[in-house]
Amino acid sequence: MTTRALVLIALVALGEASCRKHTTGVAACDDHLAARRACAEQLGGSLGEAQRREADRLERLWIEASGKSIADWKKKYAPKWCRAATEDARTAFPECRW
């Protein structure tokens, strides 16, 4: 697959992710979820499907934590956790654009 095709796939996935009804309310988390879903599209197959399911799982967890009004979750903890998740994913899947 060409670099151009991968970029187009990533842009489509990011567009789809940005149109989702639910967001975490934390920019770093929403960015991570969009990037993970784009990576899933790039990877394809069972590995890509596993990444898509992981994005869905993380989204549910982060929305739930946000909804529980855990003190300082959105401002203090979530950005750090989500940036760390992105760094971990960048290491695990260097072939994707993070």
PDB file of N, CA and C in Angstrom:
ATOM      1  N   MET A   1       0.856  -1.169   0.000  1.00  0.00           N
ATOM      2  CA  MET A   1       0.000   0.000   0.000  1.00  0.00           C
ATOM      3  C   MET A   1       0.903   1.234   0.000  1.00  0.00           C
ATOM      4  N   THR A   2       0.540   2.202  -0.782  1.00  0.00           N
ATOM      5  CA  THR A   2       1.351   3.401  -0.898  1.00  0.00           C
ATOM      6  C   THR A   2       1.147   4.313   0.313  1.00  0.00           C
ATOM      7  N   THR A   3       2.085   5.212   0.507  1.00  0.00           N
ATOM      8  CA  THR A   3       1.977   6.178   1.596  1.00  0.00           C
ATOM      9  C   THR A   3       0.738   7.050   1.411  1.00  0.00           C
ATOM     10  N   ARG A   4       0.470   7.417   0.176  1.00  0.00           N
ATOM     11  CA  ARG A   4      -0.705   8.254  -0.099  1.00  0.00           C
ATOM     12  C   ARG A   4      -1.989   7.531   0.316  1.00  0.00           C
ATOM     13  N   ALA A   5      -2.080   6.247  -0.002  1.00  0.00           N
ATOM     14  CA  ALA A   5      -3.271   5.471   0.367  1.00  0.00           C
ATOM     15  C   ALA A   5      -3.411   5.386   1.881  1.00  0.00           C
ATOM     16  N   LEU A   6      -2.288   5.188   2.573  1.00  0.00           N
ATOM     17  CA  LEU A   6      -2.327   5.127   4.043  1.00  0.00           C
ATOM     18  C   LEU A   6      -2.783   6.457   4.639  1.00  0.00           C
ATOM     19  N   VAL A   7      -2.311   7.542   4.080  1.00  0.00           N
ATOM     20  CA  VAL A   7      -2.712   8.868   4.569  1.00  0.00           C
ATOM     21  C   VAL A   7      -4.204   9.079   4.343  1.00  0.00           C
ATOM     22  N   LEU A   8      -4.698   8.695   3.177  1.00  0.00           N
ATOM     23  CA  LEU A   8      -6.124   8.840   2.894  1.00  0.00           C
ATOM     24  C   LEU A   8      -6.966   7.992   3.848  1.00  0.00           C
ATOM     25  N   ILE A   9      -6.530   6.777   4.113  1.00  0.00           N
ATOM     26  CA  ILE A   9      -7.245   5.916   5.061  1.00  0.00           C
ATOM     27  C   ILE A   9      -7.258   6.561   6.440  1.00  0.00           C
ATOM     28  N   ALA A  10      -6.123   7.095   6.860  1.00  0.00           N
ATOM     29  CA  ALA A  10      -6.042   7.740   8.176  1.00  0.00           C
ATOM     30  C   ALA A  10      -6.971   8.945   8.253  1.00  0.00           C
ATOM     31  N   LEU A  11      -7.016   9.738   7.203  1.00  0.00           N
ATOM     32  CA  LEU A  11      -7.889  10.910   7.201  1.00  0.00           C
ATOM     33  C   LEU A  11      -9.363  10.512   7.257  1.00  0.00           C
ATOM     34  N   VAL A  12      -9.732   9.478   6.538  1.00  0.00           N
ATOM     35  CA  VAL A  12     -11.116   9.003   6.577  1.00  0.00           C
ATOM     36  C   VAL A  12     -11.448   8.513   7.982  1.00  0.00           C
ATOM     37  N   ALA A  13     -10.540   7.745   8.571  1.00  0.00           N
ATOM     38  CA  ALA A  13     -10.783   7.226   9.922  1.00  0.00           C
ATOM     39  C   ALA A  13     -10.878   8.364  10.935  1.00  0.00           C
ATOM     40  N   LEU A  14     -10.035   9.361  10.795  1.00  0.00           N
ATOM     41  CA  LEU A  14     -10.107  10.504  11.708  1.00  0.00           C
ATOM     42  C   LEU A  14     -11.419  11.250  11.537  1.00  0.00           C
ATOM     43  N   GLY A  15     -11.863  11.394  10.309  1.00  0.00           N
ATOM     44  CA  GLY A  15     -13.142  12.052  10.063  1.00  0.00           C
ATOM     45  C   GLY A  15     -14.293  11.280  10.670  1.00  0.00           C
ATOM     46  N   GLU A  16     -14.267   9.962  10.523  1.00  0.00           N
ATOM     47  CA  GLU A  16     -15.317   9.130  11.118  1.00  0.00           C
ATOM     48  C   GLU A  16     -15.288   9.237  12.628  1.00  0.00           C
ATOM     49  N   ALA A  17     -14.101   9.209  13.198  1.00  0.00           N
ATOM     50  CA  ALA A  17     -13.977   9.280  14.657  1.00  0.00           C
ATOM     51  C   ALA A  17     -14.473  10.625  15.182  1.00  0.00           C
ATOM     52  N   SER A  18     -14.224  11.687  14.425  1.00  0.00           N
ATOM     53  CA  SER A  18     -14.644  13.006  14.897  1.00  0.00           C
ATOM     54  C   SER A  18     -16.156  13.179  14.810  1.00  0.00           C
ATOM     55  N   CYS A  19     -16.822  12.343  14.022  1.00  0.00           N
ATOM     56  CA  CYS A  19     -18.269  12.427  13.881  1.00  0.00           C
ATOM     57  C   CYS A  19     -19.009  11.553  14.895  1.00  0.00           C
ATOM     58  N   ARG A  20     -18.284  10.827  15.706  1.00  0.00           N
ATOM     59  CA  ARG A  20     -18.933   9.964  16.686  1.00  0.00           C
ATOM     60  C   ARG A  20     -19.723  10.810  17.672  1.00  0.00           C
ATOM     61  N   LYS A  21     -20.814  10.266  18.183  1.00  0.00           N
ATOM     62  CA  LYS A  21     -21.667  10.996  19.106  1.00  0.00           C
ATOM     63  C   LYS A  21     -20.998  11.199  20.455  1.00  0.00           C
ATOM     64  N   HIS A  22     -20.251  10.219  20.909  1.00  0.00           N
ATOM     65  CA  HIS A  22     -19.668  10.283  22.241  1.00  0.00           C
ATOM     66  C   HIS A  22     -18.198  10.677  22.161  1.00  0.00           C
ATOM     67  N   THR A  23     -17.812  11.558  23.027  1.00  0.00           N
ATOM     68  CA  THR A  23     -16.405  11.884  23.195  1.00  0.00           C
ATOM     69  C   THR A  23     -16.127  11.870  24.685  1.00  0.00           C
ATOM     70  N   THR A  24     -14.882  11.801  25.021  1.00  0.00           N
ATOM     71  CA  THR A  24     -14.501  11.752  26.427  1.00  0.00           C
ATOM     72  C   THR A  24     -14.565  13.123  27.079  1.00  0.00           C
ATOM     73  N   GLY A  25     -14.527  14.172  26.269  1.00  0.00           N
ATOM     74  CA  GLY A  25     -14.475  15.515  26.832  1.00  0.00           C
ATOM     75  C   GLY A  25     -13.063  15.959  27.170  1.00  0.00           C
ATOM     76  N   VAL A  26     -12.087  15.128  26.820  1.00  0.00           N
ATOM     77  CA  VAL A  26     -10.674  15.434  27.067  1.00  0.00           C
ATOM     78  C   VAL A  26      -9.958  15.339  25.726  1.00  0.00           C
ATOM     79  N   ALA A  27      -9.393  16.437  25.273  1.00  0.00           N
ATOM     80  CA  ALA A  27      -8.786  16.481  23.940  1.00  0.00           C
ATOM     81  C   ALA A  27      -7.735  15.389  23.734  1.00  0.00           C
ATOM     82  N   ALA A  28      -6.857  15.179  24.707  1.00  0.00           N
ATOM     83  CA  ALA A  28      -5.804  14.166  24.561  1.00  0.00           C
ATOM     84  C   ALA A  28      -6.402  12.771  24.405  1.00  0.00           C
ATOM     85  N   CYS A  29      -7.507  12.504  25.088  1.00  0.00           N
ATOM     86  CA  CYS A  29      -8.164  11.191  24.996  1.00  0.00           C
ATOM     87  C   CYS A  29      -8.864  11.033  23.666  1.00  0.00           C
ATOM     88  N   ASP A  30      -9.574  12.071  23.237  1.00  0.00           N
ATOM     89  CA  ASP A  30     -10.247  12.012  21.947  1.00  0.00           C
ATOM     90  C   ASP A  30      -9.234  11.864  20.816  1.00  0.00           C
ATOM     91  N   ASP A  31      -8.102  12.557  20.927  1.00  0.00           N
ATOM     92  CA  ASP A  31      -7.046  12.430  19.927  1.00  0.00           C
ATOM     93  C   ASP A  31      -6.499  11.006  19.897  1.00  0.00           C
ATOM     94  N   HIS A  32      -6.299  10.437  21.082  1.00  0.00           N
ATOM     95  CA  HIS A  32      -5.789   9.068  21.151  1.00  0.00           C
ATOM     96  C   HIS A  32      -6.760   8.094  20.485  1.00  0.00           C
ATOM     97  N   LEU A  33      -8.032   8.230  20.787  1.00  0.00           N
ATOM     98  CA  LEU A  33      -9.033   7.324  20.213  1.00  0.00           C
ATOM     99  C   LEU A  33      -9.083   7.442  18.691  1.00  0.00           C
ATOM    100  N   ALA A  34      -9.034   8.667  18.181  1.00  0.00           N
ATOM    101  CA  ALA A  34      -9.040   8.868  16.725  1.00  0.00           C
ATOM    102  C   ALA A  34      -7.799   8.254  16.089  1.00  0.00           C
ATOM    103  N   ALA A  35      -6.642   8.447  16.713  1.00  0.00           N
ATOM    104  CA  ALA A  35      -5.395   7.891  16.177  1.00  0.00           C
ATOM    105  C   ALA A  35      -5.406   6.364  16.251  1.00  0.00           C
ATOM    106  N   ARG A  36      -5.935   5.810  17.327  1.00  0.00           N
ATOM    107  CA  ARG A  36      -5.995   4.343  17.464  1.00  0.00           C
ATOM    108  C   ARG A  36      -6.920   3.757  16.402  1.00  0.00           C
ATOM    109  N   ARG A  37      -8.033   4.409  16.152  1.00  0.00           N
ATOM    110  CA  ARG A  37      -8.953   3.918  15.119  1.00  0.00           C
ATOM    111  C   ARG A  37      -8.330   4.040  13.722  1.00  0.00           C
ATOM    112  N   ALA A  38      -7.596   5.106  13.490  1.00  0.00           N
ATOM    113  CA  ALA A  38      -6.898   5.252  12.208  1.00  0.00           C
ATOM    114  C   ALA A  38      -5.839   4.164  12.067  1.00  0.00           C
ATOM    115  N   CYS A  39      -5.155   3.868  13.145  1.00  0.00           N
ATOM    116  CA  CYS A  39      -4.144   2.802  13.138  1.00  0.00           C
ATOM    117  C   CYS A  39      -4.807   1.469  12.832  1.00  0.00           C
ATOM    118  N   ALA A  40      -5.965   1.234  13.415  1.00  0.00           N
ATOM    119  CA  ALA A  40      -6.691  -0.015  13.159  1.00  0.00           C
ATOM    120  C   ALA A  40      -6.976  -0.170  11.670  1.00  0.00           C
ATOM    121  N   GLU A  41      -7.370   0.916  11.033  1.00  0.00           N
ATOM    122  CA  GLU A  41      -7.632   0.877   9.589  1.00  0.00           C
ATOM    123  C   GLU A  41      -6.352   0.587   8.816  1.00  0.00           C
ATOM    124  N   GLN A  42      -5.253   1.192   9.242  1.00  0.00           N
ATOM    125  CA  GLN A  42      -3.980   0.972   8.565  1.00  0.00           C
ATOM    126  C   GLN A  42      -3.524  -0.473   8.711  1.00  0.00           C
ATOM    127  N   LEU A  43      -3.697  -1.037   9.900  1.00  0.00           N
ATOM    128  CA  LEU A  43      -3.237  -2.396  10.159  1.00  0.00           C
ATOM    129  C   LEU A  43      -4.103  -3.427   9.446  1.00  0.00           C
ATOM    130  N   GLY A  44      -5.416  -3.201   9.492  1.00  0.00           N
ATOM    131  CA  GLY A  44      -6.343  -4.137   8.873  1.00  0.00           C
ATOM    132  C   GLY A  44      -6.325  -5.512   9.532  1.00  0.00           C
ATOM    133  N   GLY A  45      -7.120  -6.399   9.009  1.00  0.00           N
ATOM    134  CA  GLY A  45      -7.160  -7.779   9.492  1.00  0.00           C
ATOM    135  C   GLY A  45      -7.527  -7.898  10.961  1.00  0.00           C
ATOM    136  N   SER A  46      -7.120  -9.007  11.551  1.00  0.00           N
ATOM    137  CA  SER A  46      -7.469  -9.272  12.951  1.00  0.00           C
ATOM    138  C   SER A  46      -6.753  -8.315  13.904  1.00  0.00           C
ATOM    139  N   LEU A  47      -5.549  -7.900  13.564  1.00  0.00           N
ATOM    140  CA  LEU A  47      -4.833  -6.948  14.416  1.00  0.00           C
ATOM    141  C   LEU A  47      -5.537  -5.596  14.405  1.00  0.00           C
ATOM    142  N   GLY A  48      -5.966  -5.160  13.243  1.00  0.00           N
ATOM    143  CA  GLY A  48      -6.714  -3.914  13.145  1.00  0.00           C
ATOM    144  C   GLY A  48      -8.030  -3.990  13.902  1.00  0.00           C
ATOM    145  N   GLU A  49      -8.707  -5.122  13.803  1.00  0.00           N
ATOM    146  CA  GLU A  49      -9.965  -5.310  14.524  1.00  0.00           C
ATOM    147  C   GLU A  49      -9.734  -5.268  16.037  1.00  0.00           C
ATOM    148  N   ALA A  50      -8.647  -5.843  16.496  1.00  0.00           N
ATOM    149  CA  ALA A  50      -8.316  -5.809  17.921  1.00  0.00           C
ATOM    150  C   ALA A  50      -8.070  -4.372  18.373  1.00  0.00           C
ATOM    151  N   GLN A  51      -7.430  -3.572  17.538  1.00  0.00           N
ATOM    152  CA  GLN A  51      -7.181  -2.174  17.874  1.00  0.00           C
ATOM    153  C   GLN A  51      -8.480  -1.373  17.903  1.00  0.00           C
ATOM    154  N   ARG A  52      -9.390  -1.666  16.992  1.00  0.00           N
ATOM    155  CA  ARG A  52     -10.684  -0.988  16.989  1.00  0.00           C
ATOM    156  C   ARG A  52     -11.460  -1.318  18.262  1.00  0.00           C
ATOM    157  N   ARG A  53     -11.451  -2.591  18.650  1.00  0.00           N
ATOM    158  CA  ARG A  53     -12.140  -2.992  19.884  1.00  0.00           C
ATOM    159  C   ARG A  53     -11.509  -2.336  21.105  1.00  0.00           C
ATOM    160  N   GLU A  54     -10.183  -2.214  21.097  1.00  0.00           N
ATOM    161  CA  GLU A  54      -9.499  -1.558  22.218  1.00  0.00           C
ATOM    162  C   GLU A  54      -9.871  -0.084  22.293  1.00  0.00           C
ATOM    163  N   ALA A  55      -9.981   0.570  21.152  1.00  0.00           N
ATOM    164  CA  ALA A  55     -10.415   1.975  21.139  1.00  0.00           C
ATOM    165  C   ALA A  55     -11.817   2.105  21.712  1.00  0.00           C
ATOM    166  N   ASP A  56     -12.701   1.205  21.323  1.00  0.00           N
ATOM    167  CA  ASP A  56     -14.074   1.232  21.850  1.00  0.00           C
ATOM    168  C   ASP A  56     -14.078   1.016  23.365  1.00  0.00           C
ATOM    169  N   ARG A  57     -13.253   0.077  23.831  1.00  0.00           N
ATOM    170  CA  ARG A  57     -13.167  -0.217  25.268  1.00  0.00           C
ATOM    171  C   ARG A  57     -12.654   0.990  26.045  1.00  0.00           C
ATOM    172  N   LEU A  58     -11.575   1.587  25.545  1.00  0.00           N
ATOM    173  CA  LEU A  58     -11.016   2.767  26.210  1.00  0.00           C
ATOM    174  C   LEU A  58     -12.014   3.916  26.227  1.00  0.00           C
ATOM    175  N   GLU A  59     -12.703   4.108  25.113  1.00  0.00           N
ATOM    176  CA  GLU A  59     -13.690   5.179  25.039  1.00  0.00           C
ATOM    177  C   GLU A  59     -14.762   4.987  26.114  1.00  0.00           C
ATOM    178  N   ARG A  60     -15.264   3.778  26.237  1.00  0.00           N
ATOM    179  CA  ARG A  60     -16.289   3.505  27.264  1.00  0.00           C
ATOM    180  C   ARG A  60     -15.755   3.786  28.662  1.00  0.00           C
ATOM    181  N   LEU A  61     -14.538   3.343  28.938  1.00  0.00           N
ATOM    182  CA  LEU A  61     -13.942   3.567  30.262  1.00  0.00           C
ATOM    183  C   LEU A  61     -13.760   5.050  30.557  1.00  0.00           C
ATOM    184  N   TRP A  62     -13.246   5.779  29.581  1.00  0.00           N
ATOM    185  CA  TRP A  62     -12.966   7.197  29.792  1.00  0.00           C
ATOM    186  C   TRP A  62     -14.252   8.008  29.896  1.00  0.00           C
ATOM    187  N   ILE A  63     -15.268   7.643  29.138  1.00  0.00           N
ATOM    188  CA  ILE A  63     -16.553   8.336  29.254  1.00  0.00           C
ATOM    189  C   ILE A  63     -17.173   8.040  30.616  1.00  0.00           C
ATOM    190  N   GLU A  64     -17.070   6.802  31.047  1.00  0.00           N
ATOM    191  CA  GLU A  64     -17.615   6.428  32.354  1.00  0.00           C
ATOM    192  C   GLU A  64     -16.911   7.188  33.478  1.00  0.00           C
ATOM    193  N   ALA A  65     -15.599   7.253  33.423  1.00  0.00           N
ATOM    194  CA  ALA A  65     -14.850   7.985  34.446  1.00  0.00           C
ATOM    195  C   ALA A  65     -15.243   9.451  34.447  1.00  0.00           C
ATOM    196  N   SER A  66     -15.421  10.010  33.275  1.00  0.00           N
ATOM    197  CA  SER A  66     -15.814  11.412  33.154  1.00  0.00           C
ATOM    198  C   SER A  66     -17.208  11.637  33.729  1.00  0.00           C
ATOM    199  N   GLY A  67     -18.112  10.695  33.448  1.00  0.00           N
ATOM    200  CA  GLY A  67     -19.486  10.818  33.913  1.00  0.00           C
ATOM    201  C   GLY A  67     -19.633  10.689  35.414  1.00  0.00           C
ATOM    202  N   LYS A  68     -18.679  10.033  36.046  1.00  0.00           N
ATOM    203  CA  LYS A  68     -18.745   9.856  37.497  1.00  0.00           C
ATOM    204  C   LYS A  68     -18.225  11.082  38.242  1.00  0.00           C
ATOM    205  N   SER A  69     -17.789  12.063  37.498  1.00  0.00           N
ATOM    206  CA  SER A  69     -17.273  13.301  38.091  1.00  0.00           C
ATOM    207  C   SER A  69     -16.169  13.029  39.100  1.00  0.00           C
ATOM    208  N   ILE A  70     -15.288  12.124  38.745  1.00  0.00           N
ATOM    209  CA  ILE A  70     -14.140  11.851  39.608  1.00  0.00           C
ATOM    210  C   ILE A  70     -13.331  13.139  39.699  1.00  0.00           C
ATOM    211  N   ALA A  71     -13.035  13.539  40.920  1.00  0.00           N
ATOM    212  CA  ALA A  71     -12.361  14.821  41.156  1.00  0.00           C
ATOM    213  C   ALA A  71     -11.123  14.975  40.277  1.00  0.00           C
ATOM    214  N   ASP A  72     -11.086  16.062  39.546  1.00  0.00           N
ATOM    215  CA  ASP A  72      -9.959  16.437  38.694  1.00  0.00           C
ATOM    216  C   ASP A  72      -9.646  15.448  37.575  1.00  0.00           C
ATOM    217  N   TRP A  73     -10.533  14.487  37.306  1.00  0.00           N
ATOM    218  CA  TRP A  73     -10.222  13.496  36.279  1.00  0.00           C
ATOM    219  C   TRP A  73      -9.956  14.146  34.941  1.00  0.00           C
ATOM    220  N   LYS A  74     -10.864  15.003  34.496  1.00  0.00           N
ATOM    221  CA  LYS A  74     -10.713  15.618  33.175  1.00  0.00           C
ATOM    222  C   LYS A  74      -9.517  16.550  33.096  1.00  0.00           C
ATOM    223  N   LYS A  75      -9.285  17.309  34.143  1.00  0.00           N
ATOM    224  CA  LYS A  75      -8.224  18.318  34.082  1.00  0.00           C
ATOM    225  C   LYS A  75      -6.854  17.763  34.432  1.00  0.00           C
ATOM    226  N   LYS A  76      -6.795  16.913  35.441  1.00  0.00           N
ATOM    227  CA  LYS A  76      -5.500  16.506  35.979  1.00  0.00           C
ATOM    228  C   LYS A  76      -5.026  15.138  35.490  1.00  0.00           C
ATOM    229  N   TYR A  77      -5.880  14.132  35.576  1.00  0.00           N
ATOM    230  CA  TYR A  77      -5.429  12.773  35.313  1.00  0.00           C
ATOM    231  C   TYR A  77      -5.605  12.314  33.870  1.00  0.00           C
ATOM    232  N   ALA A  78      -6.755  12.576  33.300  1.00  0.00           N
ATOM    233  CA  ALA A  78      -7.053  12.062  31.961  1.00  0.00           C
ATOM    234  C   ALA A  78      -6.029  12.477  30.906  1.00  0.00           C
ATOM    235  N   PRO A  79      -5.638  13.746  30.848  1.00  0.00           N
ATOM    236  CA  PRO A  79      -4.655  14.103  29.814  1.00  0.00           C
ATOM    237  C   PRO A  79      -3.357  13.309  29.936  1.00  0.00           C
ATOM    238  N   LYS A  80      -2.897  13.092  31.167  1.00  0.00           N
ATOM    239  CA  LYS A  80      -1.658  12.327  31.376  1.00  0.00           C
ATOM    240  C   LYS A  80      -1.847  10.873  30.941  1.00  0.00           C
ATOM    241  N   TRP A  81      -2.971  10.274  31.355  1.00  0.00           N
ATOM    242  CA  TRP A  81      -3.215   8.873  31.004  1.00  0.00           C
ATOM    243  C   TRP A  81      -3.332   8.700  29.510  1.00  0.00           C
ATOM    244  N   CYS A  82      -4.013   9.602  28.862  1.00  0.00           N
ATOM    245  CA  CYS A  82      -4.241   9.459  27.432  1.00  0.00           C
ATOM    246  C   CYS A  82      -2.970   9.719  26.626  1.00  0.00           C
ATOM    247  N   ARG A  83      -2.167  10.674  27.064  1.00  0.00           N
ATOM    248  CA  ARG A  83      -0.877  10.883  26.388  1.00  0.00           C
ATOM    249  C   ARG A  83       0.029   9.670  26.588  1.00  0.00           C
ATOM    250  N   ALA A  84      -0.012   9.067  27.784  1.00  0.00           N
ATOM    251  CA  ALA A  84       0.784   7.862  28.043  1.00  0.00           C
ATOM    252  C   ALA A  84       0.289   6.705  27.173  1.00  0.00           C
ATOM    253  N   ALA A  85      -1.018   6.583  26.999  1.00  0.00           N
ATOM    254  CA  ALA A  85      -1.579   5.538  26.140  1.00  0.00           C
ATOM    255  C   ALA A  85      -1.106   5.722  24.699  1.00  0.00           C
ATOM    256  N   THR A  86      -1.039   6.959  24.252  1.00  0.00           N
ATOM    257  CA  THR A  86      -0.565   7.234  22.898  1.00  0.00           C
ATOM    258  C   THR A  86       0.911   6.873  22.762  1.00  0.00           C
ATOM    259  N   GLU A  87       1.710   7.211  23.756  1.00  0.00           N
ATOM    260  CA  GLU A  87       3.135   6.864  23.703  1.00  0.00           C
ATOM    261  C   GLU A  87       3.336   5.352  23.692  1.00  0.00           C
ATOM    262  N   ASP A  88       2.568   4.635  24.505  1.00  0.00           N
ATOM    263  CA  ASP A  88       2.651   3.170  24.512  1.00  0.00           C
ATOM    264  C   ASP A  88       2.264   2.601  23.153  1.00  0.00           C
ATOM    265  N   ALA A  89       1.190   3.118  22.579  1.00  0.00           N
ATOM    266  CA  ALA A  89       0.735   2.638  21.279  1.00  0.00           C
ATOM    267  C   ALA A  89       1.752   2.978  20.193  1.00  0.00           C
ATOM    268  N   ARG A  90       2.369   4.138  20.290  1.00  0.00           N
ATOM    269  CA  ARG A  90       3.392   4.544  19.313  1.00  0.00           C
ATOM    270  C   ARG A  90       4.555   3.557  19.334  1.00  0.00           C
ATOM    271  N   THR A  91       4.916   3.101  20.512  1.00  0.00           N
ATOM    272  CA  THR A  91       6.001   2.125  20.647  1.00  0.00           C
ATOM    273  C   THR A  91       5.568   0.759  20.117  1.00  0.00           C
ATOM    274  N   ALA A  92       4.350   0.357  20.441  1.00  0.00           N
ATOM    275  CA  ALA A  92       3.857  -0.958  20.041  1.00  0.00           C
ATOM    276  C   ALA A  92       3.566  -1.052  18.545  1.00  0.00           C
ATOM    277  N   PHE A  93       3.113   0.049  17.949  1.00  0.00           N
ATOM    278  CA  PHE A  93       2.716   0.050  16.538  1.00  0.00           C
ATOM    279  C   PHE A  93       3.384   1.209  15.796  1.00  0.00           C
ATOM    280  N   PRO A  94       4.701   1.126  15.610  1.00  0.00           N
ATOM    281  CA  PRO A  94       5.413   2.232  14.961  1.00  0.00           C
ATOM    282  C   PRO A  94       5.028   2.439  13.501  1.00  0.00           C
ATOM    283  N   GLU A  95       4.378   1.444  12.904  1.00  0.00           N
ATOM    284  CA  GLU A  95       3.972   1.577  11.514  1.00  0.00           C
ATOM    285  C   GLU A  95       2.787   2.503  11.330  1.00  0.00           C
ATOM    286  N   CYS A  96       2.120   2.854  12.430  1.00  0.00           N
ATOM    287  CA  CYS A  96       0.978   3.755  12.369  1.00  0.00           C
ATOM    288  C   CYS A  96       1.409   5.192  12.641  1.00  0.00           C
ATOM    289  N   ARG A  97       0.575   6.132  12.201  1.00  0.00           N
ATOM    290  CA  ARG A  97       0.842   7.551  12.443  1.00  0.00           C
ATOM    291  C   ARG A  97       0.193   7.945  13.755  1.00  0.00           C
ATOM    292  N   TRP A  98       0.963   8.324  14.714  1.00  0.00           N
ATOM    293  CA  TRP A  98       0.460   8.720  16.037  1.00  0.00           C
ATOM    294  C   TRP A  98       0.681  10.193  16.201  1.00  0.00           C
TER     295      TRP A  98
END
